[in-house]
Amino acid sequence: GRFSHIHATARALDLICLFLDALVGNEQVPRARLSARDQRALEGIRSYLSERYTAPPTLPELARMAGMNRTKLTHGFRALFGETILDYCLR
């Protein structure tokens, strides 16, 4: 559609940021306040990704599935599981 170029650019920038974060190896795990519901949602996302790691959905799609914003998804995933979503999919 009309916005496919913008979507592709945003997705590429998102992947670059995740790659750079992994490359730098930032040892600080972001703090995230996670409710029991958030933890269950993140566990569901991890389970979903374990089945679809070769073609994972975008971060906005995962956030929508988890019912949280992208920042909470990425920070919460890292805080709960000790690795980024990208690292989990690559591993």
N, C-alpha and C. Protein backbone atom coordinates (compact mmCIF):
# COMPACT_ATOMS: atom_id res chain seq x y z
N GLY A 1 0.81 -1.19 0.00
CA GLY A 1 0.00 0.00 0.00
C GLY A 1 0.86 1.25 0.00
N ARG A 2 0.24 2.33 0.32
CA ARG A 2 0.90 3.63 0.30
C ARG A 2 2.01 3.73 1.33
N PHE A 3 1.89 3.01 2.41
CA PHE A 3 2.82 3.14 3.51
C PHE A 3 3.81 1.98 3.62
N SER A 4 3.85 1.14 2.63
CA SER A 4 4.73 -0.03 2.71
C SER A 4 6.19 0.36 2.80
N HIS A 5 6.59 1.43 2.11
CA HIS A 5 7.97 1.89 2.18
C HIS A 5 8.31 2.37 3.60
N ILE A 6 7.41 3.11 4.21
CA ILE A 6 7.63 3.60 5.57
C ILE A 6 7.70 2.42 6.54
N HIS A 7 6.82 1.46 6.35
CA HIS A 7 6.82 0.27 7.22
C HIS A 7 8.13 -0.50 7.08
N ALA A 8 8.58 -0.67 5.85
CA ALA A 8 9.84 -1.40 5.62
C ALA A 8 11.02 -0.66 6.24
N THR A 9 11.04 0.66 6.12
CA THR A 9 12.11 1.47 6.70
C THR A 9 12.09 1.36 8.23
N ALA A 10 10.91 1.46 8.82
CA ALA A 10 10.79 1.36 10.28
C ALA A 10 11.24 -0.02 10.77
N ARG A 11 10.87 -1.04 10.05
CA ARG A 11 11.25 -2.40 10.43
C ARG A 11 12.77 -2.58 10.34
N ALA A 12 13.37 -2.02 9.27
CA ALA A 12 14.82 -2.12 9.11
C ALA A 12 15.54 -1.38 10.23
N LEU A 13 15.06 -0.19 10.58
CA LEU A 13 15.67 0.57 11.68
C LEU A 13 15.52 -0.17 13.00
N ASP A 14 14.40 -0.81 13.21
CA ASP A 14 14.18 -1.59 14.42
C ASP A 14 15.18 -2.73 14.51
N LEU A 15 15.39 -3.43 13.42
CA LEU A 15 16.36 -4.53 13.41
C LEU A 15 17.78 -4.03 13.62
N ILE A 16 18.11 -2.88 13.03
CA ILE A 16 19.44 -2.30 13.22
C ILE A 16 19.66 -1.97 14.70
N CYS A 17 18.66 -1.38 15.33
CA CYS A 17 18.78 -1.04 16.76
C CYS A 17 18.96 -2.29 17.61
N LEU A 18 18.21 -3.32 17.32
CA LEU A 18 18.35 -4.56 18.07
C LEU A 18 19.73 -5.18 17.86
N PHE A 19 20.21 -5.14 16.62
CA PHE A 19 21.52 -5.68 16.31
C PHE A 19 22.61 -4.90 17.03
N LEU A 20 22.53 -3.57 17.00
CA LEU A 20 23.54 -2.75 17.67
C LEU A 20 23.52 -2.97 19.17
N ASP A 21 22.34 -3.11 19.73
CA ASP A 21 22.23 -3.37 21.17
C ASP A 21 22.90 -4.70 21.51
N ALA A 22 22.67 -5.71 20.69
CA ALA A 22 23.29 -7.01 20.92
C ALA A 22 24.80 -6.94 20.71
N LEU A 23 25.23 -6.17 19.73
CA LEU A 23 26.65 -6.04 19.42
C LEU A 23 27.40 -5.35 20.55
N VAL A 24 26.80 -4.30 21.08
CA VAL A 24 27.42 -3.56 22.18
C VAL A 24 27.46 -4.43 23.43
N GLY A 25 26.49 -5.33 23.55
CA GLY A 25 26.45 -6.21 24.71
C GLY A 25 26.15 -5.46 25.99
N ASN A 26 25.23 -4.54 25.91
CA ASN A 26 24.85 -3.75 27.08
C ASN A 26 24.45 -4.70 28.20
N GLU A 27 25.24 -4.70 29.25
CA GLU A 27 25.03 -5.63 30.36
C GLU A 27 23.86 -5.23 31.26
N GLN A 28 23.45 -3.97 31.18
CA GLN A 28 22.35 -3.54 32.01
C GLN A 28 21.04 -4.09 31.47
N VAL A 29 20.33 -4.80 32.28
CA VAL A 29 19.01 -5.28 31.89
C VAL A 29 18.02 -4.20 32.27
N PRO A 30 17.23 -3.72 31.27
CA PRO A 30 16.29 -2.65 31.58
C PRO A 30 15.28 -3.10 32.63
N ARG A 31 14.95 -2.18 33.50
CA ARG A 31 13.95 -2.48 34.51
C ARG A 31 12.57 -2.41 33.89
N ALA A 32 11.77 -3.32 34.25
CA ALA A 32 10.40 -3.34 33.75
C ALA A 32 9.49 -3.80 34.88
N ARG A 33 8.42 -3.09 35.06
CA ARG A 33 7.43 -3.50 36.05
C ARG A 33 6.47 -4.44 35.35
N LEU A 34 6.52 -5.68 35.77
CA LEU A 34 5.71 -6.68 35.11
C LEU A 34 4.70 -7.27 36.08
N SER A 35 3.45 -7.16 35.71
CA SER A 35 2.40 -7.79 36.50
C SER A 35 2.38 -9.28 36.17
N ALA A 36 1.62 -10.02 36.92
CA ALA A 36 1.48 -11.46 36.64
C ALA A 36 0.90 -11.66 35.24
N ARG A 37 -0.03 -10.78 34.82
CA ARG A 37 -0.61 -10.85 33.49
C ARG A 37 0.46 -10.59 32.43
N ASP A 38 1.32 -9.58 32.67
CA ASP A 38 2.41 -9.28 31.73
C ASP A 38 3.35 -10.48 31.61
N GLN A 39 3.68 -11.09 32.72
CA GLN A 39 4.58 -12.24 32.69
C GLN A 39 3.98 -13.40 31.90
N ARG A 40 2.68 -13.65 32.11
CA ARG A 40 2.02 -14.71 31.34
C ARG A 40 2.02 -14.38 29.85
N ALA A 41 1.77 -13.11 29.52
CA ALA A 41 1.76 -12.70 28.11
C ALA A 41 3.14 -12.89 27.49
N LEU A 42 4.19 -12.52 28.22
CA LEU A 42 5.55 -12.67 27.71
C LEU A 42 5.94 -14.13 27.56
N GLU A 43 5.50 -14.96 28.49
CA GLU A 43 5.75 -16.39 28.37
C GLU A 43 5.04 -16.95 27.14
N GLY A 44 3.84 -16.43 26.86
CA GLY A 44 3.11 -16.83 25.66
C GLY A 44 3.83 -16.40 24.39
N ILE A 45 4.40 -15.19 24.42
CA ILE A 45 5.15 -14.70 23.26
C ILE A 45 6.39 -15.57 23.05
N ARG A 46 7.08 -15.91 24.11
CA ARG A 46 8.27 -16.75 23.98
C ARG A 46 7.89 -18.12 23.41
N SER A 47 6.80 -18.67 23.87
CA SER A 47 6.33 -19.95 23.35
C SER A 47 5.96 -19.83 21.87
N TYR A 48 5.28 -18.76 21.52
CA TYR A 48 4.91 -18.49 20.13
C TYR A 48 6.16 -18.39 19.26
N LEU A 49 7.17 -17.66 19.74
CA LEU A 49 8.40 -17.50 18.97
C LEU A 49 9.18 -18.80 18.84
N SER A 50 9.08 -19.67 19.82
CA SER A 50 9.81 -20.94 19.74
C SER A 50 9.28 -21.80 18.60
N GLU A 51 8.03 -21.57 18.20
CA GLU A 51 7.45 -22.30 17.08
C GLU A 51 7.66 -21.59 15.75
N ARG A 52 7.89 -20.28 15.78
CA ARG A 52 7.97 -19.48 14.56
C ARG A 52 9.24 -18.65 14.48
N TYR A 53 10.34 -19.18 15.00
CA TYR A 53 11.58 -18.41 15.05
C TYR A 53 12.18 -18.14 13.67
N THR A 54 11.88 -18.94 12.67
CA THR A 54 12.45 -18.72 11.34
C THR A 54 11.79 -17.56 10.63
N ALA A 55 10.57 -17.26 10.97
CA ALA A 55 9.85 -16.12 10.37
C ALA A 55 9.02 -15.44 11.45
N PRO A 56 9.70 -14.83 12.43
CA PRO A 56 8.95 -14.21 13.53
C PRO A 56 8.18 -12.98 13.05
N PRO A 57 7.08 -12.67 13.71
CA PRO A 57 6.34 -11.45 13.37
C PRO A 57 7.14 -10.22 13.80
N THR A 58 6.69 -9.07 13.38
CA THR A 58 7.36 -7.83 13.76
C THR A 58 7.13 -7.53 15.23
N LEU A 59 7.94 -6.63 15.78
CA LEU A 59 7.75 -6.24 17.18
C LEU A 59 6.38 -5.61 17.41
N PRO A 60 5.90 -4.73 16.52
CA PRO A 60 4.54 -4.20 16.75
C PRO A 60 3.48 -5.30 16.76
N GLU A 61 3.64 -6.32 15.90
CA GLU A 61 2.68 -7.43 15.90
C GLU A 61 2.76 -8.22 17.20
N LEU A 62 3.98 -8.48 17.68
CA LEU A 62 4.14 -9.18 18.95
C LEU A 62 3.56 -8.38 20.10
N ALA A 63 3.81 -7.06 20.08
CA ALA A 63 3.27 -6.20 21.14
C ALA A 63 1.76 -6.24 21.15
N ARG A 64 1.16 -6.20 19.97
CA ARG A 64 -0.30 -6.27 19.87
C ARG A 64 -0.80 -7.61 20.42
N MET A 65 -0.10 -8.69 20.08
CA MET A 65 -0.48 -10.01 20.58
C MET A 65 -0.39 -10.07 22.10
N ALA A 66 0.63 -9.42 22.67
CA ALA A 66 0.85 -9.45 24.12
C ALA A 66 -0.04 -8.45 24.86
N GLY A 67 -0.62 -7.51 24.11
CA GLY A 67 -1.46 -6.49 24.75
C GLY A 67 -0.66 -5.45 25.50
N MET A 68 0.54 -5.13 24.98
CA MET A 68 1.38 -4.10 25.61
C MET A 68 2.10 -3.32 24.52
N ASN A 69 2.68 -2.19 24.90
CA ASN A 69 3.42 -1.43 23.89
C ASN A 69 4.77 -2.08 23.62
N ARG A 70 5.39 -1.63 22.54
CA ARG A 70 6.64 -2.25 22.09
C ARG A 70 7.75 -2.13 23.12
N THR A 71 7.83 -0.99 23.78
CA THR A 71 8.87 -0.78 24.78
C THR A 71 8.72 -1.75 25.94
N LYS A 72 7.50 -1.88 26.43
CA LYS A 72 7.27 -2.80 27.55
C LYS A 72 7.54 -4.24 27.11
N LEU A 73 7.18 -4.57 25.89
CA LEU A 73 7.44 -5.91 25.37
C LEU A 73 8.93 -6.20 25.34
N THR A 74 9.71 -5.32 24.75
CA THR A 74 11.14 -5.58 24.60
C THR A 74 11.87 -5.55 25.94
N HIS A 75 11.55 -4.56 26.77
CA HIS A 75 12.20 -4.46 28.08
C HIS A 75 11.74 -5.60 29.00
N GLY A 76 10.45 -5.91 28.95
CA GLY A 76 9.93 -6.98 29.78
C GLY A 76 10.49 -8.34 29.39
N PHE A 77 10.59 -8.58 28.08
CA PHE A 77 11.15 -9.85 27.61
C PHE A 77 12.58 -10.00 28.09
N ARG A 78 13.35 -8.94 27.96
CA ARG A 78 14.76 -9.01 28.37
C ARG A 78 14.89 -9.16 29.89
N ALA A 79 14.05 -8.45 30.62
CA ALA A 79 14.11 -8.54 32.08
C ALA A 79 13.70 -9.93 32.56
N LEU A 80 12.69 -10.52 31.94
CA LEU A 80 12.17 -11.80 32.38
C LEU A 80 13.04 -12.97 31.94
N PHE A 81 13.57 -12.90 30.71
CA PHE A 81 14.29 -14.05 30.16
C PHE A 81 15.79 -13.82 29.99
N GLY A 82 16.28 -12.61 30.26
CA GLY A 82 17.71 -12.35 30.21
C GLY A 82 18.31 -12.23 28.82
N GLU A 83 17.49 -12.07 27.81
CA GLU A 83 17.99 -11.88 26.45
C GLU A 83 16.93 -11.14 25.64
N THR A 84 17.38 -10.53 24.54
CA THR A 84 16.45 -9.81 23.70
C THR A 84 15.62 -10.79 22.87
N ILE A 85 14.56 -10.29 22.29
CA ILE A 85 13.73 -11.12 21.42
C ILE A 85 14.55 -11.61 20.23
N LEU A 86 15.36 -10.74 19.66
CA LEU A 86 16.21 -11.13 18.53
C LEU A 86 17.18 -12.24 18.93
N ASP A 87 17.84 -12.06 20.07
CA ASP A 87 18.77 -13.09 20.54
C ASP A 87 18.06 -14.43 20.75
N TYR A 88 16.85 -14.37 21.30
CA TYR A 88 16.09 -15.60 21.52
C TYR A 88 15.80 -16.29 20.19
N CYS A 89 15.38 -15.52 19.19
CA CYS A 89 15.06 -16.10 17.88
C CYS A 89 16.32 -16.65 17.21
N LEU A 90 17.43 -15.94 17.36
CA LEU A 90 18.68 -16.40 16.73
C LEU A 90 19.21 -17.66 17.41
N ARG A 91 19.05 -17.72 18.73
CA ARG A 91 19.54 -18.89 19.47
C ARG A 91 18.66 -20.08 19.18
